[in-house]
N, C-alpha and C. Protein backbone atom coordinates (compact mmCIF):
# COMPACT_ATOMS: atom_id res chain seq x y z
N MET A 1 0.84 -1.17 0.00
CA MET A 1 0.00 0.00 0.00
C MET A 1 0.90 1.25 0.00
N PRO A 2 0.71 2.18 -0.95
CA PRO A 2 1.56 3.36 -1.00
C PRO A 2 1.29 4.30 0.18
N SER A 3 2.32 5.04 0.54
CA SER A 3 2.18 6.04 1.60
C SER A 3 1.34 7.19 1.08
N PRO A 4 0.72 7.94 2.01
CA PRO A 4 -0.09 9.07 1.56
C PRO A 4 0.77 10.14 0.91
N ASP A 5 0.19 10.75 -0.11
CA ASP A 5 0.86 11.87 -0.77
C ASP A 5 0.65 13.11 0.07
N GLY A 6 1.54 14.06 -0.07
CA GLY A 6 1.38 15.30 0.67
C GLY A 6 2.62 16.15 0.64
N LEU A 7 2.78 16.92 1.70
CA LEU A 7 3.91 17.84 1.81
C LEU A 7 4.56 17.71 3.17
N ILE A 8 5.84 18.05 3.18
CA ILE A 8 6.56 18.31 4.42
C ILE A 8 6.97 19.77 4.30
N VAL A 9 6.62 20.57 5.29
CA VAL A 9 6.94 22.00 5.28
C VAL A 9 7.80 22.31 6.48
N LEU A 10 8.92 23.00 6.25
CA LEU A 10 9.79 23.48 7.33
C LEU A 10 9.55 24.97 7.49
N LEU A 11 9.01 25.35 8.64
CA LEU A 11 8.79 26.77 8.91
C LEU A 11 10.13 27.45 9.20
N PRO A 12 10.26 28.72 8.83
CA PRO A 12 11.52 29.42 9.07
C PRO A 12 11.74 29.69 10.55
N ALA A 13 13.02 29.74 10.93
CA ALA A 13 13.36 30.03 12.33
C ALA A 13 13.08 31.49 12.66
N GLU A 14 13.08 32.36 11.66
CA GLU A 14 12.82 33.78 11.85
C GLU A 14 11.68 34.20 10.93
N PRO A 15 10.72 34.98 11.43
CA PRO A 15 9.66 35.49 10.55
C PRO A 15 10.27 36.26 9.38
N GLY A 16 9.66 36.13 8.22
CA GLY A 16 10.13 36.84 7.04
C GLY A 16 11.16 36.08 6.22
N HIS A 17 11.67 34.97 6.73
CA HIS A 17 12.62 34.16 5.96
C HIS A 17 11.86 33.13 5.13
N ALA A 18 12.55 32.53 4.17
CA ALA A 18 11.93 31.56 3.27
C ALA A 18 11.47 30.30 4.01
N TRP A 19 10.36 29.76 3.54
CA TRP A 19 9.90 28.45 3.97
C TRP A 19 10.59 27.42 3.06
N HIS A 20 10.77 26.22 3.55
CA HIS A 20 11.30 25.13 2.73
C HIS A 20 10.27 24.02 2.75
N TRP A 21 10.12 23.34 1.61
CA TRP A 21 9.09 22.30 1.55
C TRP A 21 9.51 21.21 0.56
N TRP A 22 8.91 20.04 0.79
CA TRP A 22 9.17 18.87 -0.03
C TRP A 22 7.84 18.19 -0.33
N ARG A 23 7.63 17.82 -1.56
CA ARG A 23 6.43 17.06 -1.92
C ARG A 23 6.72 15.58 -1.68
N VAL A 24 5.74 14.87 -1.14
CA VAL A 24 5.87 13.43 -0.90
C VAL A 24 4.89 12.73 -1.85
N HIS A 25 5.41 11.79 -2.65
CA HIS A 25 4.56 11.04 -3.59
C HIS A 25 4.93 9.57 -3.50
N ASP A 26 3.95 8.75 -3.20
CA ASP A 26 4.16 7.30 -3.04
C ASP A 26 5.27 7.00 -2.03
N GLY A 27 5.32 7.80 -0.96
CA GLY A 27 6.28 7.58 0.10
C GLY A 27 7.68 8.08 -0.19
N VAL A 28 7.89 8.72 -1.34
CA VAL A 28 9.21 9.24 -1.72
C VAL A 28 9.20 10.75 -1.54
N VAL A 29 10.21 11.25 -0.82
CA VAL A 29 10.32 12.69 -0.60
C VAL A 29 11.07 13.31 -1.78
N GLY A 30 10.46 14.33 -2.38
CA GLY A 30 11.05 15.00 -3.53
C GLY A 30 12.12 16.00 -3.15
N ALA A 31 12.55 16.76 -4.13
CA ALA A 31 13.61 17.75 -3.94
C ALA A 31 13.13 18.91 -3.07
N GLU A 32 14.06 19.48 -2.34
CA GLU A 32 13.76 20.63 -1.49
C GLU A 32 13.38 21.83 -2.36
N GLN A 33 12.33 22.51 -1.95
CA GLN A 33 11.85 23.72 -2.63
C GLN A 33 11.87 24.87 -1.64
N ARG A 34 11.99 26.09 -2.15
CA ARG A 34 11.94 27.30 -1.32
C ARG A 34 10.69 28.09 -1.67
N PHE A 35 10.14 28.75 -0.66
CA PHE A 35 8.95 29.56 -0.84
C PHE A 35 9.11 30.84 -0.03
N ASP A 36 9.10 31.98 -0.71
CA ASP A 36 9.18 33.29 -0.05
C ASP A 36 7.76 33.73 0.28
N ALA A 37 7.36 33.51 1.51
CA ALA A 37 5.98 33.79 1.92
C ALA A 37 5.66 35.27 1.86
N GLU A 38 6.68 36.12 1.86
CA GLU A 38 6.45 37.56 1.80
C GLU A 38 6.15 38.03 0.38
N ALA A 39 6.62 37.29 -0.64
CA ALA A 39 6.53 37.78 -2.02
C ALA A 39 5.82 36.86 -2.99
N GLU A 40 5.54 35.63 -2.60
CA GLU A 40 4.98 34.66 -3.54
C GLU A 40 3.64 34.13 -3.03
N THR A 41 2.87 33.58 -3.96
CA THR A 41 1.67 32.85 -3.56
C THR A 41 2.08 31.40 -3.34
N ALA A 42 1.29 30.68 -2.58
CA ALA A 42 1.62 29.29 -2.25
C ALA A 42 1.81 28.47 -3.53
N PRO A 43 2.95 27.82 -3.68
CA PRO A 43 3.27 27.10 -4.92
C PRO A 43 2.81 25.66 -4.97
N TRP A 44 2.23 25.13 -3.90
CA TRP A 44 2.05 23.68 -3.82
C TRP A 44 0.74 23.15 -4.33
N GLY A 45 -0.28 23.96 -4.59
CA GLY A 45 -1.55 23.45 -5.12
C GLY A 45 -2.22 22.51 -4.14
N ASP A 46 -2.85 21.44 -4.67
CA ASP A 46 -3.53 20.46 -3.83
C ASP A 46 -2.47 19.72 -3.01
N VAL A 47 -2.62 19.77 -1.68
CA VAL A 47 -1.51 19.32 -0.84
C VAL A 47 -1.65 17.93 -0.24
N GLY A 48 -2.83 17.42 -0.02
CA GLY A 48 -2.96 16.15 0.69
C GLY A 48 -2.57 16.35 2.14
N SER A 49 -1.95 15.37 2.75
CA SER A 49 -1.51 15.46 4.15
C SER A 49 -0.27 16.34 4.25
N VAL A 50 -0.25 17.18 5.28
CA VAL A 50 0.90 18.06 5.48
C VAL A 50 1.46 17.85 6.87
N THR A 51 2.76 17.55 6.91
CA THR A 51 3.50 17.49 8.17
C THR A 51 4.37 18.74 8.21
N VAL A 52 4.28 19.47 9.31
CA VAL A 52 5.04 20.71 9.44
C VAL A 52 6.16 20.51 10.44
N LEU A 53 7.36 20.85 10.02
CA LEU A 53 8.53 20.84 10.89
C LEU A 53 8.68 22.24 11.46
N VAL A 54 8.68 22.35 12.78
CA VAL A 54 8.79 23.65 13.43
C VAL A 54 10.24 23.87 13.87
N PRO A 55 10.68 25.12 13.93
CA PRO A 55 12.08 25.41 14.23
C PRO A 55 12.56 24.79 15.54
N ALA A 56 13.72 24.16 15.47
CA ALA A 56 14.29 23.50 16.64
C ALA A 56 14.60 24.48 17.77
N GLY A 57 14.91 25.72 17.43
CA GLY A 57 15.18 26.72 18.45
C GLY A 57 13.96 27.06 19.28
N ASP A 58 12.78 26.91 18.70
CA ASP A 58 11.53 27.18 19.40
C ASP A 58 10.92 25.92 20.00
N ALA A 59 11.39 24.76 19.56
CA ALA A 59 10.80 23.50 19.99
C ALA A 59 11.88 22.46 20.29
N PRO A 60 12.70 22.71 21.31
CA PRO A 60 13.69 21.70 21.69
C PRO A 60 13.00 20.48 22.31
N VAL A 61 13.60 19.33 22.12
CA VAL A 61 13.00 18.08 22.59
C VAL A 61 13.92 17.42 23.61
N ARG A 62 13.32 16.99 24.69
CA ARG A 62 14.03 16.18 25.69
C ARG A 62 13.74 14.71 25.37
N ASP A 63 14.76 13.88 25.40
CA ASP A 63 14.66 12.47 25.03
C ASP A 63 15.30 11.66 26.16
N ARG A 64 14.49 10.85 26.84
CA ARG A 64 15.03 10.08 27.96
C ARG A 64 14.36 8.72 28.03
N PRO A 65 14.92 7.80 28.80
CA PRO A 65 14.31 6.48 28.90
C PRO A 65 12.92 6.56 29.52
N LEU A 66 12.04 5.69 29.05
CA LEU A 66 10.72 5.59 29.68
C LEU A 66 10.89 5.10 31.11
N PRO A 67 10.23 5.75 32.06
CA PRO A 67 10.33 5.26 33.44
C PRO A 67 9.58 3.94 33.60
N ALA A 68 9.88 3.24 34.67
CA ALA A 68 9.26 1.94 34.95
C ALA A 68 7.86 2.13 35.52
N MET A 69 6.94 2.47 34.64
CA MET A 69 5.53 2.64 35.00
C MET A 69 4.71 2.46 33.73
N PRO A 70 3.41 2.27 33.84
CA PRO A 70 2.60 2.15 32.63
C PRO A 70 2.77 3.37 31.71
N LEU A 71 2.72 3.14 30.41
CA LEU A 71 2.96 4.19 29.42
C LEU A 71 2.06 5.41 29.64
N VAL A 72 0.77 5.20 29.82
CA VAL A 72 -0.15 6.32 30.01
C VAL A 72 0.25 7.15 31.22
N GLN A 73 0.64 6.48 32.27
CA GLN A 73 1.06 7.18 33.49
C GLN A 73 2.37 7.96 33.25
N ALA A 74 3.31 7.37 32.53
CA ALA A 74 4.58 8.05 32.23
C ALA A 74 4.34 9.31 31.40
N LEU A 75 3.47 9.21 30.39
CA LEU A 75 3.16 10.37 29.55
C LEU A 75 2.49 11.47 30.37
N ALA A 76 1.54 11.09 31.22
CA ALA A 76 0.85 12.08 32.05
C ALA A 76 1.81 12.74 33.04
N ALA A 77 2.69 11.97 33.63
CA ALA A 77 3.64 12.52 34.59
C ALA A 77 4.60 13.51 33.90
N GLU A 78 5.05 13.16 32.72
CA GLU A 78 5.95 14.05 31.97
C GLU A 78 5.22 15.35 31.60
N ARG A 79 3.99 15.22 31.13
CA ARG A 79 3.20 16.40 30.77
C ARG A 79 3.01 17.30 31.98
N LEU A 80 2.63 16.73 33.11
CA LEU A 80 2.45 17.52 34.34
C LEU A 80 3.75 18.18 34.78
N GLY A 81 4.85 17.43 34.69
CA GLY A 81 6.15 17.99 35.07
C GLY A 81 6.52 19.19 34.22
N LEU A 82 6.27 19.11 32.92
CA LEU A 82 6.57 20.24 32.04
C LEU A 82 5.69 21.44 32.35
N ILE A 83 4.41 21.18 32.60
CA ILE A 83 3.48 22.27 32.89
C ILE A 83 3.83 22.92 34.21
N GLN A 84 4.09 22.13 35.23
CA GLN A 84 4.38 22.68 36.55
C GLN A 84 5.76 23.31 36.63
N GLY A 85 6.68 22.84 35.79
CA GLY A 85 8.04 23.36 35.83
C GLY A 85 8.23 24.65 35.06
N GLY A 86 7.25 25.05 34.27
CA GLY A 86 7.38 26.25 33.47
C GLY A 86 7.10 27.52 34.25
N LEU A 87 7.69 28.62 33.78
CA LEU A 87 7.46 29.91 34.42
C LEU A 87 6.06 30.43 34.13
N GLU A 88 5.57 30.15 32.94
CA GLU A 88 4.23 30.57 32.54
C GLU A 88 3.50 29.37 31.97
N PRO A 89 3.02 28.46 32.80
CA PRO A 89 2.42 27.23 32.27
C PRO A 89 1.23 27.47 31.35
N SER A 90 0.47 28.54 31.58
CA SER A 90 -0.69 28.79 30.72
C SER A 90 -0.27 29.32 29.36
N GLY A 91 0.95 29.80 29.23
CA GLY A 91 1.43 30.33 27.97
C GLY A 91 2.26 29.35 27.17
N ARG A 92 2.11 28.05 27.43
CA ARG A 92 2.91 27.02 26.77
C ARG A 92 2.01 25.93 26.19
N HIS A 93 2.46 25.36 25.09
CA HIS A 93 1.87 24.13 24.56
C HIS A 93 2.86 23.02 24.89
N VAL A 94 2.36 21.92 25.40
CA VAL A 94 3.20 20.80 25.82
C VAL A 94 2.83 19.57 25.00
N ALA A 95 3.86 18.85 24.54
CA ALA A 95 3.62 17.59 23.82
C ALA A 95 4.56 16.53 24.38
N VAL A 96 4.03 15.34 24.57
CA VAL A 96 4.82 14.20 25.01
C VAL A 96 4.43 12.98 24.18
N ASP A 97 5.39 12.08 23.99
CA ASP A 97 5.12 10.85 23.27
C ASP A 97 6.20 9.83 23.63
N ALA A 98 5.95 8.61 23.29
CA ALA A 98 6.92 7.54 23.51
C ALA A 98 7.29 6.95 22.16
N ASP A 99 8.58 6.59 22.04
CA ASP A 99 9.06 5.96 20.82
C ASP A 99 10.22 5.05 21.18
N ALA A 100 10.08 3.78 20.89
CA ALA A 100 11.15 2.80 21.11
C ALA A 100 11.72 2.89 22.53
N ASP A 101 10.86 2.77 23.52
CA ASP A 101 11.26 2.80 24.93
C ASP A 101 11.89 4.12 25.36
N ARG A 102 11.60 5.18 24.63
CA ARG A 102 12.08 6.51 24.97
C ARG A 102 10.89 7.43 25.20
N LEU A 103 11.06 8.39 26.08
CA LEU A 103 10.04 9.39 26.39
C LEU A 103 10.50 10.71 25.79
N LEU A 104 9.74 11.22 24.84
CA LEU A 104 10.06 12.47 24.17
C LEU A 104 9.12 13.55 24.69
N SER A 105 9.67 14.74 24.97
CA SER A 105 8.83 15.83 25.44
C SER A 105 9.33 17.16 24.89
N CYS A 106 8.37 18.06 24.71
CA CYS A 106 8.67 19.36 24.12
C CYS A 106 7.63 20.34 24.63
N ASN A 107 8.05 21.58 24.87
CA ASN A 107 7.06 22.62 25.14
C ASN A 107 7.41 23.85 24.33
N VAL A 108 6.38 24.52 23.87
CA VAL A 108 6.51 25.64 22.94
C VAL A 108 5.67 26.79 23.46
N ALA A 109 6.17 28.00 23.29
CA ALA A 109 5.40 29.19 23.68
C ALA A 109 4.11 29.25 22.87
N ALA A 110 3.02 29.55 23.55
CA ALA A 110 1.71 29.61 22.90
C ALA A 110 1.69 30.65 21.78
N ASP A 111 2.38 31.77 21.97
CA ASP A 111 2.37 32.79 20.91
C ASP A 111 3.10 32.31 19.67
N GLU A 112 4.14 31.48 19.83
CA GLU A 112 4.81 30.89 18.66
C GLU A 112 3.87 29.94 17.93
N MET A 113 3.20 29.08 18.69
CA MET A 113 2.26 28.14 18.09
C MET A 113 1.16 28.90 17.35
N ASP A 114 0.64 29.95 17.95
CA ASP A 114 -0.40 30.75 17.30
C ASP A 114 0.12 31.38 16.00
N ARG A 115 1.35 31.89 16.03
CA ARG A 115 1.95 32.50 14.84
C ARG A 115 2.10 31.46 13.73
N TRP A 116 2.59 30.26 14.09
CA TRP A 116 2.75 29.21 13.09
C TRP A 116 1.41 28.82 12.47
N MET A 117 0.41 28.60 13.33
CA MET A 117 -0.89 28.15 12.83
C MET A 117 -1.54 29.22 11.94
N ALA A 118 -1.39 30.49 12.30
CA ALA A 118 -1.95 31.57 11.48
C ALA A 118 -1.24 31.63 10.12
N ALA A 119 0.08 31.50 10.12
CA ALA A 119 0.83 31.53 8.86
C ALA A 119 0.43 30.35 7.97
N LEU A 120 0.32 29.17 8.56
CA LEU A 120 -0.07 27.98 7.79
C LEU A 120 -1.47 28.14 7.22
N ALA A 121 -2.39 28.60 8.04
CA ALA A 121 -3.78 28.80 7.58
C ALA A 121 -3.82 29.81 6.44
N GLY A 122 -2.98 30.82 6.51
CA GLY A 122 -2.94 31.83 5.46
C GLY A 122 -2.54 31.27 4.10
N TYR A 123 -1.89 30.14 4.10
CA TYR A 123 -1.49 29.48 2.85
C TYR A 123 -2.25 28.18 2.62
N GLY A 124 -3.39 28.04 3.28
CA GLY A 124 -4.27 26.90 3.04
C GLY A 124 -3.79 25.59 3.61
N ILE A 125 -2.94 25.65 4.63
CA ILE A 125 -2.41 24.41 5.21
C ILE A 125 -3.05 24.15 6.57
N ASP A 126 -3.63 22.97 6.69
CA ASP A 126 -4.16 22.46 7.95
C ASP A 126 -3.35 21.20 8.25
N PRO A 127 -2.27 21.32 9.03
CA PRO A 127 -1.35 20.20 9.19
C PRO A 127 -1.94 19.02 9.95
N VAL A 128 -1.47 17.83 9.59
CA VAL A 128 -1.83 16.63 10.35
C VAL A 128 -0.92 16.50 11.56
N ALA A 129 0.26 17.14 11.50
CA ALA A 129 1.19 17.08 12.63
C ALA A 129 2.16 18.26 12.58
N LEU A 130 2.52 18.73 13.76
CA LEU A 130 3.61 19.68 13.94
C LEU A 130 4.72 18.90 14.65
N VAL A 131 5.90 18.87 14.05
CA VAL A 131 6.99 18.05 14.57
C VAL A 131 8.22 18.94 14.77
N PRO A 132 8.85 18.90 15.93
CA PRO A 132 10.10 19.64 16.10
C PRO A 132 11.12 19.20 15.05
N ALA A 133 11.71 20.15 14.35
CA ALA A 133 12.62 19.83 13.24
C ALA A 133 13.78 18.96 13.67
N GLY A 134 14.26 19.10 14.90
CA GLY A 134 15.39 18.29 15.36
C GLY A 134 15.13 16.80 15.35
N LEU A 135 13.85 16.41 15.35
CA LEU A 135 13.53 14.98 15.36
C LEU A 135 13.72 14.30 14.01
N VAL A 136 14.04 15.06 12.96
CA VAL A 136 14.33 14.40 11.68
C VAL A 136 15.70 13.73 11.71
N LEU A 137 16.53 14.12 12.67
CA LEU A 137 17.86 13.51 12.80
C LEU A 137 17.77 12.21 13.58
N PRO A 138 18.64 11.26 13.25
CA PRO A 138 18.63 10.00 14.02
C PRO A 138 19.19 10.22 15.42
N ARG A 139 18.68 9.47 16.35
CA ARG A 139 19.16 9.50 17.74
C ARG A 139 20.42 8.66 17.83
N ALA A 140 21.45 9.18 18.48
CA ALA A 140 22.69 8.45 18.68
C ALA A 140 23.09 8.57 20.14
N ASP A 141 23.19 7.44 20.83
CA ASP A 141 23.52 7.45 22.26
C ASP A 141 24.88 8.07 22.56
N ASP A 142 25.85 7.79 21.71
CA ASP A 142 27.22 8.18 22.02
C ASP A 142 27.79 9.22 21.07
N ALA A 143 26.91 9.97 20.39
CA ALA A 143 27.40 10.94 19.42
C ALA A 143 26.45 12.12 19.31
N LEU A 144 26.95 13.16 18.71
CA LEU A 144 26.17 14.34 18.37
C LEU A 144 25.96 14.33 16.86
N VAL A 145 24.72 14.29 16.43
CA VAL A 145 24.39 14.31 15.01
C VAL A 145 24.05 15.76 14.65
N LEU A 146 24.72 16.29 13.64
CA LEU A 146 24.50 17.66 13.19
C LEU A 146 24.06 17.65 11.74
N ALA A 147 23.18 18.58 11.38
CA ALA A 147 22.75 18.71 9.99
C ALA A 147 22.23 20.12 9.75
N ASN A 148 22.23 20.49 8.48
CA ASN A 148 21.62 21.74 8.05
C ASN A 148 20.40 21.35 7.22
N LEU A 149 19.24 21.77 7.66
CA LEU A 149 18.00 21.48 6.93
C LEU A 149 17.34 22.81 6.62
N GLY A 150 17.25 23.13 5.36
CA GLY A 150 16.60 24.37 4.96
C GLY A 150 17.24 25.61 5.58
N GLY A 151 18.54 25.57 5.77
CA GLY A 151 19.24 26.70 6.36
C GLY A 151 19.22 26.74 7.88
N GLN A 152 18.59 25.75 8.50
CA GLN A 152 18.56 25.68 9.97
C GLN A 152 19.53 24.61 10.44
N LEU A 153 20.39 24.98 11.37
CA LEU A 153 21.32 24.02 11.93
C LEU A 153 20.60 23.22 13.02
N LEU A 154 20.63 21.91 12.89
CA LEU A 154 19.95 21.01 13.82
C LEU A 154 20.97 20.13 14.52
N ALA A 155 20.64 19.73 15.74
CA ALA A 155 21.51 18.85 16.51
C ALA A 155 20.66 17.82 17.25
N ARG A 156 21.23 16.62 17.40
CA ARG A 156 20.54 15.58 18.17
C ARG A 156 21.56 14.71 18.87
N THR A 157 21.27 14.44 20.12
CA THR A 157 22.08 13.53 20.92
C THR A 157 21.16 12.41 21.40
N GLY A 158 21.66 11.57 22.27
CA GLY A 158 20.84 10.54 22.86
C GLY A 158 19.83 11.09 23.86
N GLU A 159 19.99 12.35 24.24
CA GLU A 159 19.12 12.95 25.27
C GLU A 159 18.34 14.16 24.82
N ALA A 160 18.61 14.69 23.61
CA ALA A 160 17.92 15.92 23.19
C ALA A 160 17.98 16.09 21.69
N ALA A 161 17.03 16.88 21.18
CA ALA A 161 17.03 17.36 19.79
C ALA A 161 16.83 18.87 19.90
N PHE A 162 17.73 19.65 19.26
CA PHE A 162 17.73 21.09 19.51
C PHE A 162 18.38 21.84 18.35
N ALA A 163 18.33 23.17 18.42
CA ALA A 163 18.99 24.00 17.41
C ALA A 163 20.50 23.81 17.55
N GLY A 164 21.19 23.71 16.43
CA GLY A 164 22.62 23.46 16.44
C GLY A 164 23.45 24.71 16.63
N GLU A 165 23.06 25.56 17.55
CA GLU A 165 23.82 26.77 17.84
C GLU A 165 25.07 26.38 18.63
N ALA A 166 26.18 27.07 18.36
CA ALA A 166 27.48 26.70 18.96
C ALA A 166 27.42 26.59 20.48
N ALA A 167 26.80 27.56 21.16
CA ALA A 167 26.76 27.53 22.63
C ALA A 167 25.94 26.34 23.14
N LEU A 168 24.83 26.04 22.47
CA LEU A 168 24.01 24.89 22.88
C LEU A 168 24.75 23.58 22.63
N VAL A 169 25.39 23.48 21.48
CA VAL A 169 26.14 22.26 21.17
C VAL A 169 27.23 22.04 22.22
N GLU A 170 27.94 23.09 22.58
CA GLU A 170 29.00 22.98 23.57
C GLU A 170 28.43 22.57 24.93
N ALA A 171 27.32 23.20 25.34
CA ALA A 171 26.74 22.92 26.65
C ALA A 171 26.10 21.54 26.74
N LEU A 172 25.44 21.11 25.68
CA LEU A 172 24.68 19.86 25.72
C LEU A 172 25.42 18.65 25.17
N ALA A 173 26.47 18.90 24.38
CA ALA A 173 27.12 17.75 23.74
C ALA A 173 28.60 17.98 23.49
N GLY A 174 29.23 18.82 24.29
CA GLY A 174 30.62 19.19 24.07
C GLY A 174 31.60 18.04 24.00
N ASP A 175 31.37 16.97 24.75
CA ASP A 175 32.33 15.86 24.80
C ASP A 175 32.01 14.72 23.84
N LEU A 176 30.89 14.81 23.15
CA LEU A 176 30.49 13.73 22.24
C LEU A 176 31.18 13.86 20.89
N ARG A 177 31.45 12.73 20.24
CA ARG A 177 31.99 12.80 18.88
C ARG A 177 30.87 13.29 17.97
N GLN A 178 31.24 14.01 16.92
CA GLN A 178 30.25 14.62 16.04
C GLN A 178 30.10 13.83 14.75
N ILE A 179 28.85 13.71 14.33
CA ILE A 179 28.50 13.08 13.05
C ILE A 179 27.72 14.11 12.26
N ALA A 180 28.15 14.37 11.05
CA ALA A 180 27.44 15.36 10.21
C ALA A 180 26.72 14.66 9.10
């Protein structure tokens, strides 16, 4: 059975910068395209399913082992911990999930989420998922994976997915070997 057709859209890290997007057809991701949202009309036509990658700088991900408790309880505990640990819990969107015995969590400022959703709606996109861009990189327990995706530097370790800014890389993965 073929995969659904659609788009993958990478939102810019800064307002006013180009969007990057890829068409998906029969499960194959096409060539990277650029879209200047300030000067062009949406180039993608009928889109099908759309997965949106949000900037890693705005949506860092914590990646840790699942605790020894039922999955539903672990997800709820992580969600509560993120909400209670924030300075402005009502001004945050929190997401948690499990993947391969790992607990992934992310929180995003509500105003960022609102800005993204308004921009997407303005171009006729109703996404099926918003995914932190850093999660496109493979997880490596003993290494730092670095990549440039659509002009955004991304980083992933065994414990986090984040923007590949020099200070963050040094603080979160300074002693790990690097894979580009």
